[in-house]
Amino acid sequence: MAKKPTRKPPVSDRSIPTARLPSAPWLVTNGTYLSGRAAIDGADALEVELEMRWGRGRLPLLVPQELREKFYRQKYLFSHARWKGELIDVQRESDRMIKAWKALDKAAIEAGCVPIDPAVFEVTLEDGTVAAIVREPDLVNKVMADGRRVSVYSLEEIGRLIFAFKEVLAVKEHFPGAEVMPTKMKVVNALHQPIDGEGEGILDPGTPLDGVDGFESEW
């Protein structure tokens, strides 16, 4: 009877590394991180403001295609600077991102577009669609899809959703249109300490601060 061949164990150094990715240059020290975070916060805060005013993912859809493309390209450069750039890259692209958001806002106003009604509250869901919440069913006509995929909920429906989640969610219908990209809801805390050393933030707040003067210096 032939001997059953034994399987060799896999080579240990061929598995996928589990180490975290190297940090971007602007994240190397606490000082450069705070400088970069200060620049990013300005762009993030403006995004939150305009998303609240115009609706989640709606503003880029209100402007001409050429401007929308320029905006998307700037978002790419902004994201690339955050992941790979030096401090000067983060500061430059943050400033340009603010200008890009302001350009969209100005173009939408000049085109006569209307911000979302204050009676409508929007939130972007994990699948990129938008949930619009209104106080009363009569306010459904205040919701503006504008190419987005939007589900509309009244407060009464939210109450039923809380009580019987699956039954209510199954009957929701969407406005036809394109899905939107995820959007921000808040600005990151610059002094956040990552859990277990993972993610963005200050790992050791006890180390000396480099490259940044405090409020004692003249502005």
N, C-alpha and C. Protein backbone atom coordinates (compact mmCIF):
# COMPACT_ATOMS: atom_id res chain seq x y z
N MET A 1 0.84 -1.20 0.00
CA MET A 1 0.00 0.00 0.00
C MET A 1 0.88 1.25 0.00
N ALA A 2 0.61 2.11 -0.95
CA ALA A 2 1.45 3.30 -1.08
C ALA A 2 1.26 4.22 0.11
N LYS A 3 2.34 4.83 0.50
CA LYS A 3 2.31 5.74 1.64
C LYS A 3 1.65 7.06 1.23
N LYS A 4 0.71 7.52 2.05
CA LYS A 4 0.01 8.77 1.76
C LYS A 4 0.96 9.95 1.90
N PRO A 5 1.07 10.74 0.84
CA PRO A 5 2.01 11.88 0.91
C PRO A 5 1.58 12.89 1.96
N THR A 6 2.55 13.43 2.62
CA THR A 6 2.26 14.45 3.63
C THR A 6 2.36 15.84 3.01
N ARG A 7 1.46 16.73 3.44
CA ARG A 7 1.46 18.09 2.91
C ARG A 7 2.46 18.94 3.69
N LYS A 8 3.22 19.69 2.95
CA LYS A 8 4.18 20.58 3.59
C LYS A 8 3.45 21.81 4.11
N PRO A 9 3.83 22.29 5.28
CA PRO A 9 3.20 23.51 5.81
C PRO A 9 3.54 24.71 4.93
N PRO A 10 2.65 25.69 4.85
CA PRO A 10 2.92 26.87 4.02
C PRO A 10 4.11 27.65 4.54
N VAL A 11 4.82 28.30 3.61
CA VAL A 11 5.96 29.12 3.99
C VAL A 11 5.46 30.34 4.75
N SER A 12 6.01 30.58 5.93
CA SER A 12 5.47 31.61 6.81
C SER A 12 5.64 33.02 6.28
N ASP A 13 6.67 33.25 5.46
CA ASP A 13 6.92 34.62 5.01
C ASP A 13 6.16 34.97 3.74
N ARG A 14 5.20 34.16 3.34
CA ARG A 14 4.42 34.45 2.14
C ARG A 14 3.01 34.97 2.47
N SER A 15 2.71 35.11 3.72
CA SER A 15 1.39 35.60 4.09
C SER A 15 1.32 37.12 3.93
N ILE A 16 0.11 37.64 4.01
CA ILE A 16 -0.10 39.09 3.87
C ILE A 16 0.36 39.79 5.14
N PRO A 17 1.19 40.81 5.03
CA PRO A 17 1.65 41.53 6.23
C PRO A 17 0.48 42.15 6.97
N THR A 18 0.56 42.18 8.27
CA THR A 18 -0.51 42.78 9.08
C THR A 18 -0.09 44.13 9.66
N ALA A 19 1.13 44.55 9.40
CA ALA A 19 1.60 45.83 9.93
C ALA A 19 0.83 46.97 9.28
N ARG A 20 0.65 48.04 10.02
CA ARG A 20 -0.06 49.20 9.51
C ARG A 20 0.75 49.88 8.42
N LEU A 21 0.06 50.58 7.53
CA LEU A 21 0.72 51.29 6.46
C LEU A 21 1.57 52.43 7.02
N PRO A 22 2.66 52.78 6.36
CA PRO A 22 3.48 53.89 6.84
C PRO A 22 2.71 55.20 6.80
N SER A 23 2.99 56.07 7.77
CA SER A 23 2.28 57.34 7.85
C SER A 23 2.74 58.29 6.77
N ALA A 24 1.85 59.20 6.39
CA ALA A 24 2.22 60.27 5.48
C ALA A 24 3.24 61.16 6.17
N PRO A 25 4.13 61.81 5.41
CA PRO A 25 5.17 62.66 6.02
C PRO A 25 4.63 63.72 6.97
N TRP A 26 3.44 64.27 6.68
CA TRP A 26 2.91 65.33 7.54
C TRP A 26 2.43 64.79 8.89
N LEU A 27 2.32 63.48 9.03
CA LEU A 27 1.87 62.87 10.27
C LEU A 27 3.02 62.42 11.17
N VAL A 28 4.24 62.68 10.75
CA VAL A 28 5.40 62.12 11.45
C VAL A 28 5.57 62.71 12.85
N THR A 29 5.40 64.01 13.00
CA THR A 29 5.60 64.65 14.30
C THR A 29 4.31 65.32 14.77
N ASN A 30 4.20 65.56 16.06
CA ASN A 30 3.02 66.23 16.60
C ASN A 30 2.85 67.63 16.03
N GLY A 31 3.95 68.35 15.85
CA GLY A 31 3.87 69.71 15.34
C GLY A 31 3.35 69.77 13.92
N THR A 32 3.90 68.94 13.03
CA THR A 32 3.43 68.95 11.64
C THR A 32 2.00 68.42 11.55
N TYR A 33 1.67 67.47 12.42
CA TYR A 33 0.29 66.96 12.44
C TYR A 33 -0.70 68.07 12.79
N LEU A 34 -0.42 68.83 13.83
CA LEU A 34 -1.34 69.89 14.24
C LEU A 34 -1.45 70.98 13.17
N SER A 35 -0.34 71.29 12.51
CA SER A 35 -0.39 72.28 11.43
C SER A 35 -1.24 71.77 10.27
N GLY A 36 -1.03 70.51 9.91
CA GLY A 36 -1.80 69.92 8.82
C GLY A 36 -3.26 69.78 9.18
N ARG A 37 -3.52 69.36 10.43
CA ARG A 37 -4.89 69.18 10.87
C ARG A 37 -5.64 70.52 10.89
N ALA A 38 -4.94 71.58 11.26
CA ALA A 38 -5.56 72.91 11.26
C ALA A 38 -5.99 73.32 9.86
N ALA A 39 -5.17 72.99 8.88
CA ALA A 39 -5.51 73.32 7.48
C ALA A 39 -6.67 72.46 6.99
N ILE A 40 -6.65 71.17 7.30
CA ILE A 40 -7.71 70.26 6.87
C ILE A 40 -9.04 70.63 7.50
N ASP A 41 -9.00 71.04 8.79
CA ASP A 41 -10.24 71.36 9.49
C ASP A 41 -11.02 72.47 8.79
N GLY A 42 -10.30 73.44 8.22
CA GLY A 42 -10.98 74.52 7.51
C GLY A 42 -11.78 74.01 6.32
N ALA A 43 -11.17 73.09 5.57
CA ALA A 43 -11.85 72.51 4.41
C ALA A 43 -12.99 71.61 4.85
N ASP A 44 -12.77 70.82 5.90
CA ASP A 44 -13.81 69.91 6.38
C ASP A 44 -15.01 70.68 6.93
N ALA A 45 -14.74 71.77 7.66
CA ALA A 45 -15.82 72.56 8.24
C ALA A 45 -16.68 73.19 7.15
N LEU A 46 -16.05 73.68 6.09
CA LEU A 46 -16.81 74.28 5.00
C LEU A 46 -17.65 73.22 4.28
N GLU A 47 -17.08 72.02 4.12
CA GLU A 47 -17.84 70.93 3.50
C GLU A 47 -19.09 70.60 4.32
N VAL A 48 -18.93 70.51 5.63
CA VAL A 48 -20.07 70.22 6.50
C VAL A 48 -21.13 71.32 6.36
N GLU A 49 -20.69 72.57 6.36
CA GLU A 49 -21.62 73.70 6.26
C GLU A 49 -22.42 73.66 4.96
N LEU A 50 -21.72 73.43 3.84
CA LEU A 50 -22.39 73.45 2.54
C LEU A 50 -23.24 72.20 2.32
N GLU A 51 -22.83 71.08 2.88
CA GLU A 51 -23.64 69.87 2.79
C GLU A 51 -24.94 70.05 3.57
N MET A 52 -24.87 70.74 4.69
CA MET A 52 -26.07 71.01 5.46
C MET A 52 -26.99 71.98 4.71
N ARG A 53 -26.39 72.95 4.02
CA ARG A 53 -27.19 73.97 3.33
C ARG A 53 -27.83 73.43 2.06
N TRP A 54 -27.05 72.68 1.26
CA TRP A 54 -27.52 72.26 -0.05
C TRP A 54 -28.04 70.82 -0.09
N GLY A 55 -27.69 70.03 0.92
CA GLY A 55 -28.10 68.63 0.91
C GLY A 55 -26.91 67.73 0.68
N ARG A 56 -27.02 66.50 1.16
CA ARG A 56 -25.91 65.55 1.08
C ARG A 56 -25.60 65.15 -0.36
N GLY A 57 -24.41 65.54 -0.82
CA GLY A 57 -23.97 65.17 -2.17
C GLY A 57 -24.71 65.88 -3.29
N ARG A 58 -25.51 66.89 -2.97
CA ARG A 58 -26.33 67.56 -3.99
C ARG A 58 -25.60 68.67 -4.70
N LEU A 59 -24.79 69.44 -4.01
CA LEU A 59 -24.18 70.64 -4.59
C LEU A 59 -23.37 70.35 -5.86
N PRO A 60 -22.51 69.32 -5.91
CA PRO A 60 -21.77 69.07 -7.15
C PRO A 60 -22.67 68.76 -8.34
N LEU A 61 -23.89 68.26 -8.07
CA LEU A 61 -24.81 67.92 -9.15
C LEU A 61 -25.56 69.14 -9.69
N LEU A 62 -25.42 70.28 -9.03
CA LEU A 62 -26.14 71.48 -9.45
C LEU A 62 -25.32 72.36 -10.38
N VAL A 63 -24.05 72.05 -10.55
CA VAL A 63 -23.16 72.92 -11.34
C VAL A 63 -22.84 72.25 -12.68
N PRO A 64 -22.32 73.02 -13.65
CA PRO A 64 -21.97 72.45 -14.95
C PRO A 64 -20.94 71.34 -14.83
N GLN A 65 -20.94 70.45 -15.81
CA GLN A 65 -20.05 69.27 -15.79
C GLN A 65 -18.58 69.66 -15.69
N GLU A 66 -18.17 70.70 -16.40
CA GLU A 66 -16.76 71.10 -16.37
C GLU A 66 -16.33 71.49 -14.96
N LEU A 67 -17.16 72.26 -14.26
CA LEU A 67 -16.82 72.66 -12.90
C LEU A 67 -16.88 71.47 -11.96
N ARG A 68 -17.85 70.58 -12.17
CA ARG A 68 -17.96 69.38 -11.34
C ARG A 68 -16.71 68.51 -11.49
N GLU A 69 -16.20 68.39 -12.70
CA GLU A 69 -14.99 67.59 -12.92
C GLU A 69 -13.79 68.23 -12.20
N LYS A 70 -13.65 69.55 -12.32
CA LYS A 70 -12.56 70.23 -11.62
C LYS A 70 -12.67 70.01 -10.11
N PHE A 71 -13.89 70.04 -9.60
CA PHE A 71 -14.12 69.82 -8.17
C PHE A 71 -13.70 68.41 -7.77
N TYR A 72 -14.10 67.41 -8.55
CA TYR A 72 -13.73 66.03 -8.24
C TYR A 72 -12.21 65.83 -8.30
N ARG A 73 -11.58 66.48 -9.26
CA ARG A 73 -10.12 66.37 -9.36
C ARG A 73 -9.44 66.99 -8.14
N GLN A 74 -10.00 68.10 -7.66
CA GLN A 74 -9.44 68.74 -6.46
C GLN A 74 -9.65 67.85 -5.23
N LYS A 75 -10.79 67.19 -5.16
CA LYS A 75 -11.03 66.27 -4.05
C LYS A 75 -10.00 65.14 -4.06
N TYR A 76 -9.63 64.69 -5.25
CA TYR A 76 -8.61 63.65 -5.37
C TYR A 76 -7.26 64.17 -4.86
N LEU A 77 -6.88 65.36 -5.29
CA LEU A 77 -5.60 65.94 -4.86
C LEU A 77 -5.58 66.17 -3.36
N PHE A 78 -6.71 66.61 -2.82
CA PHE A 78 -6.85 66.84 -1.38
C PHE A 78 -6.68 65.52 -0.62
N SER A 79 -7.34 64.49 -1.11
CA SER A 79 -7.24 63.17 -0.47
C SER A 79 -5.82 62.61 -0.58
N HIS A 80 -5.20 62.79 -1.74
CA HIS A 80 -3.83 62.29 -1.95
C HIS A 80 -2.85 62.97 -1.01
N ALA A 81 -3.03 64.27 -0.80
CA ALA A 81 -2.15 65.00 0.11
C ALA A 81 -2.31 64.49 1.54
N ARG A 82 -3.53 64.18 1.93
CA ARG A 82 -3.78 63.68 3.28
C ARG A 82 -3.14 62.31 3.51
N TRP A 83 -3.10 61.50 2.46
CA TRP A 83 -2.57 60.14 2.61
C TRP A 83 -1.08 60.05 2.34
N LYS A 84 -0.55 60.90 1.47
CA LYS A 84 0.83 60.73 1.01
C LYS A 84 1.70 61.97 1.12
N GLY A 85 1.10 63.14 1.41
CA GLY A 85 1.82 64.38 1.22
C GLY A 85 2.66 64.86 2.39
N GLU A 86 3.49 65.85 2.07
CA GLU A 86 4.22 66.61 3.07
C GLU A 86 3.27 67.66 3.65
N LEU A 87 3.70 68.33 4.70
CA LEU A 87 2.85 69.35 5.32
C LEU A 87 2.47 70.44 4.32
N ILE A 88 3.42 70.87 3.49
CA ILE A 88 3.15 71.93 2.52
C ILE A 88 2.08 71.49 1.52
N ASP A 89 2.05 70.18 1.18
CA ASP A 89 1.04 69.65 0.27
C ASP A 89 -0.34 69.70 0.90
N VAL A 90 -0.41 69.31 2.17
CA VAL A 90 -1.69 69.32 2.88
C VAL A 90 -2.23 70.75 3.00
N GLN A 91 -1.36 71.68 3.33
CA GLN A 91 -1.80 73.07 3.47
C GLN A 91 -2.25 73.65 2.13
N ARG A 92 -1.51 73.35 1.07
CA ARG A 92 -1.86 73.87 -0.26
C ARG A 92 -3.20 73.29 -0.74
N GLU A 93 -3.36 71.98 -0.65
CA GLU A 93 -4.57 71.35 -1.16
C GLU A 93 -5.78 71.64 -0.28
N SER A 94 -5.57 71.86 1.01
CA SER A 94 -6.67 72.26 1.88
C SER A 94 -7.21 73.62 1.46
N ASP A 95 -6.29 74.56 1.18
CA ASP A 95 -6.68 75.89 0.73
C ASP A 95 -7.42 75.81 -0.61
N ARG A 96 -6.93 74.97 -1.51
CA ARG A 96 -7.58 74.82 -2.82
C ARG A 96 -8.94 74.13 -2.68
N MET A 97 -9.06 73.23 -1.70
CA MET A 97 -10.34 72.56 -1.48
C MET A 97 -11.39 73.54 -1.01
N ILE A 98 -10.98 74.48 -0.16
CA ILE A 98 -11.90 75.53 0.29
C ILE A 98 -12.36 76.36 -0.90
N LYS A 99 -11.43 76.72 -1.78
CA LYS A 99 -11.78 77.50 -2.97
C LYS A 99 -12.73 76.71 -3.88
N ALA A 100 -12.51 75.39 -3.96
CA ALA A 100 -13.36 74.56 -4.81
C ALA A 100 -14.79 74.52 -4.28
N TRP A 101 -14.94 74.35 -2.96
CA TRP A 101 -16.28 74.35 -2.37
C TRP A 101 -16.96 75.71 -2.58
N LYS A 102 -16.21 76.79 -2.40
CA LYS A 102 -16.79 78.12 -2.58
C LYS A 102 -17.20 78.35 -4.03
N ALA A 103 -16.43 77.80 -4.98
CA ALA A 103 -16.77 77.94 -6.39
C ALA A 103 -18.09 77.23 -6.71
N LEU A 104 -18.29 76.04 -6.13
CA LEU A 104 -19.55 75.33 -6.33
C LEU A 104 -20.72 76.10 -5.72
N ASP A 105 -20.52 76.63 -4.53
CA ASP A 105 -21.56 77.39 -3.85
C ASP A 105 -21.95 78.61 -4.68
N LYS A 106 -20.97 79.32 -5.17
CA LYS A 106 -21.22 80.52 -5.98
C LYS A 106 -21.94 80.17 -7.27
N ALA A 107 -21.50 79.11 -7.95
CA ALA A 107 -22.10 78.72 -9.22
C ALA A 107 -23.55 78.30 -9.03
N ALA A 108 -23.84 77.59 -7.95
CA ALA A 108 -25.21 77.15 -7.69
C ALA A 108 -26.12 78.34 -7.41
N ILE A 109 -25.62 79.33 -6.66
CA ILE A 109 -26.41 80.53 -6.36
C ILE A 109 -26.68 81.32 -7.63
N GLU A 110 -25.63 81.49 -8.45
CA GLU A 110 -25.79 82.26 -9.69
C GLU A 110 -26.72 81.57 -10.67
N ALA A 111 -26.81 80.23 -10.60
CA ALA A 111 -27.70 79.49 -11.49
C ALA A 111 -29.14 79.48 -10.98
N GLY A 112 -29.37 80.11 -9.81
CA GLY A 112 -30.72 80.18 -9.27
C GLY A 112 -31.16 78.94 -8.54
N CYS A 113 -30.23 78.07 -8.17
CA CYS A 113 -30.57 76.85 -7.45
C CYS A 113 -30.99 77.20 -6.02
N VAL A 114 -31.82 76.36 -5.46
CA VAL A 114 -32.38 76.62 -4.13
C VAL A 114 -31.81 75.62 -3.12
N PRO A 115 -31.31 76.10 -1.98
CA PRO A 115 -30.87 75.18 -0.93
C PRO A 115 -32.03 74.34 -0.43
N ILE A 116 -31.73 73.26 0.29
CA ILE A 116 -32.80 72.42 0.80
C ILE A 116 -33.61 73.19 1.84
N ASP A 117 -34.86 72.83 1.97
CA ASP A 117 -35.75 73.50 2.91
C ASP A 117 -35.29 73.21 4.35
N PRO A 118 -35.33 74.20 5.24
CA PRO A 118 -34.94 73.98 6.64
C PRO A 118 -35.76 72.91 7.34
N ALA A 119 -36.93 72.60 6.78
CA ALA A 119 -37.78 71.57 7.38
C ALA A 119 -37.33 70.16 7.01
N VAL A 120 -36.34 70.05 6.11
CA VAL A 120 -35.85 68.75 5.67
C VAL A 120 -34.47 68.51 6.26
N PHE A 121 -34.30 67.34 6.86
CA PHE A 121 -33.01 66.95 7.42
C PHE A 121 -32.48 65.75 6.65
N GLU A 122 -31.24 65.83 6.17
CA GLU A 122 -30.67 64.77 5.35
C GLU A 122 -29.47 64.13 6.02
N VAL A 123 -29.27 62.84 5.72
CA VAL A 123 -28.11 62.11 6.19
C VAL A 123 -27.73 61.10 5.11
N THR A 124 -26.42 60.95 4.88
CA THR A 124 -25.94 59.98 3.91
C THR A 124 -25.80 58.61 4.57
N LEU A 125 -26.36 57.60 3.94
CA LEU A 125 -26.29 56.24 4.46
C LEU A 125 -25.04 55.55 3.94
N GLU A 126 -24.73 54.39 4.51
CA GLU A 126 -23.48 53.71 4.17
C GLU A 126 -23.42 53.26 2.72
N ASP A 127 -24.57 53.05 2.08
CA ASP A 127 -24.57 52.62 0.68
C ASP A 127 -24.52 53.79 -0.29
N GLY A 128 -24.36 55.02 0.23
CA GLY A 128 -24.26 56.19 -0.63
C GLY A 128 -25.58 56.86 -0.91
N THR A 129 -26.70 56.26 -0.54
CA THR A 129 -28.00 56.90 -0.72
C THR A 129 -28.23 57.91 0.40
N VAL A 130 -29.29 58.69 0.25
CA VAL A 130 -29.58 59.76 1.21
C VAL A 130 -30.93 59.51 1.86
N ALA A 131 -31.01 59.68 3.17
CA ALA A 131 -32.28 59.64 3.89
C ALA A 131 -32.68 61.06 4.22
N ALA A 132 -33.88 61.46 3.78
CA ALA A 132 -34.43 62.79 4.07
C ALA A 132 -35.54 62.63 5.10
N ILE A 133 -35.45 63.38 6.18
CA ILE A 133 -36.41 63.27 7.28
C ILE A 133 -37.20 64.57 7.38
N VAL A 134 -38.53 64.45 7.38
CA VAL A 134 -39.41 65.62 7.49
C VAL A 134 -40.32 65.43 8.72
N ARG A 135 -40.79 66.55 9.25
CA ARG A 135 -41.62 66.48 10.45
C ARG A 135 -42.98 65.85 10.16
N GLU A 136 -43.61 66.29 9.05
CA GLU A 136 -44.95 65.83 8.70
C GLU A 136 -44.96 65.28 7.28
N PRO A 137 -45.84 64.33 6.98
CA PRO A 137 -45.93 63.79 5.61
C PRO A 137 -46.21 64.85 4.56
N ASP A 138 -46.91 65.93 4.95
CA ASP A 138 -47.23 66.99 3.99
C ASP A 138 -45.99 67.72 3.49
N LEU A 139 -44.84 67.54 4.16
CA LEU A 139 -43.61 68.23 3.78
C LEU A 139 -42.75 67.43 2.80
N VAL A 140 -43.27 66.29 2.36
CA VAL A 140 -42.49 65.43 1.44
C VAL A 140 -42.15 66.19 0.16
N ASN A 141 -43.05 67.07 -0.29
CA ASN A 141 -42.79 67.82 -1.52
C ASN A 141 -41.66 68.83 -1.38
N LYS A 142 -41.15 69.02 -0.15
CA LYS A 142 -40.01 69.90 0.08
C LYS A 142 -38.68 69.21 -0.24
N VAL A 143 -38.70 67.89 -0.36
CA VAL A 143 -37.47 67.14 -0.63
C VAL A 143 -37.07 67.32 -2.09
N MET A 144 -35.78 67.58 -2.33
CA MET A 144 -35.26 67.77 -3.68
C MET A 144 -34.21 66.69 -3.97
N ALA A 145 -34.51 65.81 -4.92
CA ALA A 145 -33.59 64.71 -5.23
C ALA A 145 -32.42 65.21 -6.08
N ASP A 146 -32.73 65.89 -7.22
CA ASP A 146 -31.68 66.44 -8.10
C ASP A 146 -30.63 65.40 -8.46
N GLY A 147 -31.06 64.25 -8.97
CA GLY A 147 -30.13 63.24 -9.44
C GLY A 147 -29.61 62.32 -8.36
N ARG A 148 -30.03 62.53 -7.13
CA ARG A 148 -29.60 61.67 -6.04
C ARG A 148 -30.65 60.59 -5.78
N ARG A 149 -30.24 59.55 -5.09
CA ARG A 149 -31.17 58.50 -4.69
C ARG A 149 -31.57 58.78 -3.24
N VAL A 150 -32.82 59.21 -3.05
CA VAL A 150 -33.25 59.71 -1.75
C VAL A 150 -34.45 58.92 -1.24
N SER A 151 -34.38 58.50 0.01
CA SER A 151 -35.52 57.91 0.71
C SER A 151 -36.09 58.96 1.65
N VAL A 152 -37.43 59.09 1.71
CA VAL A 152 -38.06 60.11 2.53
C VAL A 152 -38.77 59.46 3.72
N TYR A 153 -38.53 60.02 4.90
CA TYR A 153 -39.14 59.51 6.13
C TYR A 153 -39.78 60.68 6.89
N SER A 154 -40.99 60.48 7.36
CA SER A 154 -41.58 61.45 8.28
C SER A 154 -41.24 61.01 9.70
N LEU A 155 -41.42 61.92 10.66
CA LEU A 155 -41.15 61.57 12.05
C LEU A 155 -42.04 60.43 12.52
N GLU A 156 -43.27 60.40 12.00
CA GLU A 156 -44.17 59.31 12.37
C GLU A 156 -43.61 57.98 11.89
N GLU A 157 -43.07 57.98 10.68
CA GLU A 157 -42.47 56.76 10.15
C GLU A 157 -41.22 56.37 10.93
N ILE A 158 -40.44 57.37 11.33
CA ILE A 158 -39.26 57.07 12.14
C ILE A 158 -39.67 56.39 13.44
N GLY A 159 -40.78 56.84 14.01
CA GLY A 159 -41.28 56.21 15.22
C GLY A 159 -41.64 54.75 14.98
N ARG A 160 -42.30 54.48 13.86
CA ARG A 160 -42.65 53.09 13.54
C ARG A 160 -41.39 52.28 13.21
N LEU A 161 -40.42 52.97 12.59
CA LEU A 161 -39.17 52.30 12.25
C LEU A 161 -38.44 51.85 13.51
N ILE A 162 -38.46 52.68 14.52
CA ILE A 162 -37.83 52.32 15.78
C ILE A 162 -38.54 51.12 16.41
N PHE A 163 -39.87 51.11 16.30
CA PHE A 163 -40.66 50.04 16.92
C PHE A 163 -40.59 48.74 16.13
N ALA A 164 -40.58 48.86 14.82
CA ALA A 164 -40.58 47.65 13.97
C ALA A 164 -39.69 47.89 12.76
N PHE A 165 -38.38 47.86 12.99
CA PHE A 165 -37.40 48.25 11.98
C PHE A 165 -37.58 47.56 10.64
N LYS A 166 -37.62 46.26 10.62
CA LYS A 166 -37.65 45.53 9.36
C LYS A 166 -38.93 45.80 8.58
N GLU A 167 -40.06 45.84 9.24
CA GLU A 167 -41.32 46.02 8.54
C GLU A 167 -41.40 47.37 7.85
N VAL A 168 -40.92 48.42 8.51
CA VAL A 168 -40.97 49.76 7.92
C VAL A 168 -39.95 49.90 6.80
N LEU A 169 -38.73 49.40 7.01
CA LEU A 169 -37.67 49.56 6.02
C LEU A 169 -38.02 48.86 4.72
N ALA A 170 -38.76 47.78 4.77
CA ALA A 170 -39.06 46.98 3.58
C ALA A 170 -39.94 47.73 2.59
N VAL A 171 -40.72 48.70 3.02
CA VAL A 171 -41.65 49.38 2.13
C VAL A 171 -41.14 50.72 1.64
N LYS A 172 -39.91 51.10 2.01
CA LYS A 172 -39.40 52.39 1.57
C LYS A 172 -39.02 52.34 0.10
N GLU A 173 -39.32 53.42 -0.61
CA GLU A 173 -38.96 53.53 -2.01
C GLU A 173 -37.99 54.69 -2.20
N HIS A 174 -37.21 54.63 -3.27
CA HIS A 174 -36.18 55.63 -3.53
C HIS A 174 -36.56 56.51 -4.71
N PHE A 175 -36.14 57.77 -4.64
CA PHE A 175 -36.20 58.60 -5.83
C PHE A 175 -35.18 58.05 -6.83
N PRO A 176 -35.51 58.00 -8.12
CA PRO A 176 -34.53 57.53 -9.11
C PRO A 176 -33.38 58.53 -9.24
N GLY A 177 -32.23 58.02 -9.59
CA GLY A 177 -31.08 58.92 -9.79
C GLY A 177 -29.78 58.27 -9.38
N ALA A 178 -28.71 59.03 -9.48
CA ALA A 178 -27.38 58.51 -9.20
C ALA A 178 -27.14 58.40 -7.71
N GLU A 179 -26.29 57.44 -7.33
CA GLU A 179 -25.86 57.34 -5.95
C GLU A 179 -24.83 58.41 -5.66
N VAL A 180 -24.69 58.80 -4.39
CA VAL A 180 -23.77 59.87 -4.03
C VAL A 180 -22.61 59.31 -3.22
N MET A 181 -21.55 60.08 -3.17
CA MET A 181 -20.39 59.69 -2.40
C MET A 181 -20.62 59.98 -0.92
N PRO A 182 -19.96 59.21 -0.03
CA PRO A 182 -20.09 59.48 1.41
C PRO A 182 -19.66 60.90 1.74
N THR A 183 -20.33 61.51 2.72
CA THR A 183 -20.00 62.88 3.11
C THR A 183 -19.73 62.96 4.60
N LYS A 184 -19.10 64.04 4.99
CA LYS A 184 -18.71 64.21 6.39
C LYS A 184 -19.88 64.75 7.22
N MET A 185 -19.86 64.43 8.49
CA MET A 185 -20.85 64.95 9.42
C MET A 185 -20.21 65.82 10.50
N LYS A 186 -18.88 65.77 10.62
CA LYS A 186 -18.23 66.52 11.68
C LYS A 186 -16.77 66.76 11.32
N VAL A 187 -16.12 67.63 12.08
CA VAL A 187 -14.70 67.90 11.92
C VAL A 187 -13.94 67.10 12.97
N VAL A 188 -12.81 66.52 12.57
CA VAL A 188 -12.04 65.66 13.46
C VAL A 188 -11.41 66.47 14.59
N ASN A 189 -11.36 65.89 15.79
CA ASN A 189 -10.68 66.51 16.92
C ASN A 189 -9.17 66.41 16.71
N ALA A 190 -8.50 67.56 16.62
CA ALA A 190 -7.07 67.58 16.32
C ALA A 190 -6.23 66.89 17.39
N LEU A 191 -6.71 66.84 18.62
CA LEU A 191 -5.94 66.25 19.72
C LEU A 191 -6.36 64.82 20.02
N HIS A 192 -7.05 64.20 19.07
CA HIS A 192 -7.47 62.81 19.25
C HIS A 192 -6.26 61.90 19.38
N GLN A 193 -6.33 60.93 20.30
CA GLN A 193 -5.29 59.93 20.46
C GLN A 193 -5.79 58.61 19.89
N PRO A 194 -5.11 58.07 18.86
CA PRO A 194 -5.55 56.81 18.25
C PRO A 194 -5.56 55.67 19.26
N ILE A 195 -6.51 54.77 19.13
CA ILE A 195 -6.58 53.58 19.98
C ILE A 195 -5.59 52.55 19.47
N ASP A 196 -4.73 52.05 20.37
CA ASP A 196 -3.72 51.04 20.02
C ASP A 196 -2.78 51.53 18.91
N GLY A 197 -2.60 52.84 18.83
CA GLY A 197 -1.66 53.39 17.84
C GLY A 197 -2.16 53.37 16.42
N GLU A 198 -3.43 53.05 16.18
CA GLU A 198 -3.96 52.96 14.83
C GLU A 198 -4.73 54.23 14.47
N GLY A 199 -4.60 54.66 13.22
CA GLY A 199 -5.34 55.81 12.75
C GLY A 199 -4.59 57.11 12.97
N GLU A 200 -5.26 58.21 12.58
CA GLU A 200 -4.65 59.53 12.65
C GLU A 200 -4.79 60.12 14.03
N GLY A 201 -3.77 60.83 14.48
CA GLY A 201 -3.85 61.49 15.77
C GLY A 201 -2.50 61.61 16.43
N ILE A 202 -2.46 62.11 17.66
CA ILE A 202 -1.22 62.29 18.41
C ILE A 202 -1.01 61.07 19.30
N LEU A 203 0.05 60.34 19.02
CA LEU A 203 0.32 59.11 19.77
C LEU A 203 0.80 59.41 21.18
N ASP A 204 1.66 60.42 21.32
CA ASP A 204 2.23 60.73 22.63
C ASP A 204 2.15 62.23 22.88
N PRO A 205 1.14 62.72 23.58
CA PRO A 205 1.00 64.15 23.83
C PRO A 205 2.04 64.71 24.78
N GLY A 206 2.88 63.84 25.36
CA GLY A 206 3.89 64.31 26.29
C GLY A 206 5.19 64.72 25.64
N THR A 207 5.32 64.49 24.33
CA THR A 207 6.56 64.84 23.64
C THR A 207 6.58 66.32 23.30
N PRO A 208 7.78 66.92 23.15
CA PRO A 208 7.88 68.35 22.81
C PRO A 208 7.21 68.64 21.47
N LEU A 209 6.66 69.83 21.33
CA LEU A 209 5.97 70.22 20.12
C LEU A 209 6.93 70.96 19.20
N ASP A 210 6.99 70.54 17.95
CA ASP A 210 7.94 71.12 17.01
C ASP A 210 7.23 71.99 15.97
N GLY A 211 7.88 73.05 15.57
CA GLY A 211 7.45 73.81 14.41
C GLY A 211 6.19 74.64 14.57
N VAL A 212 5.62 74.72 15.74
CA VAL A 212 4.38 75.49 15.91
C VAL A 212 4.51 76.39 17.13
N ASP A 213 4.28 77.68 16.93
CA ASP A 213 4.31 78.62 18.04
C ASP A 213 2.93 78.69 18.70
N GLY A 214 2.90 79.01 19.96
CA GLY A 214 1.63 79.14 20.66
C GLY A 214 1.05 80.52 20.49
N PHE A 215 0.05 80.86 21.28
CA PHE A 215 -0.64 82.14 21.14
C PHE A 215 0.22 83.31 21.66
N GLU A 216 1.35 83.01 22.30
CA GLU A 216 2.22 84.08 22.78
C GLU A 216 2.88 84.81 21.62
N SER A 217 3.03 84.11 20.49
CA SER A 217 3.67 84.74 19.34
C SER A 217 2.69 85.68 18.63
N GLU A 218 3.23 86.62 17.87
CA GLU A 218 2.40 87.59 17.15
C GLU A 218 1.84 86.96 15.88
N TRP A 219 0.56 87.20 15.60
CA TRP A 219 -0.06 86.64 14.42
C TRP A 219 0.30 87.46 13.18
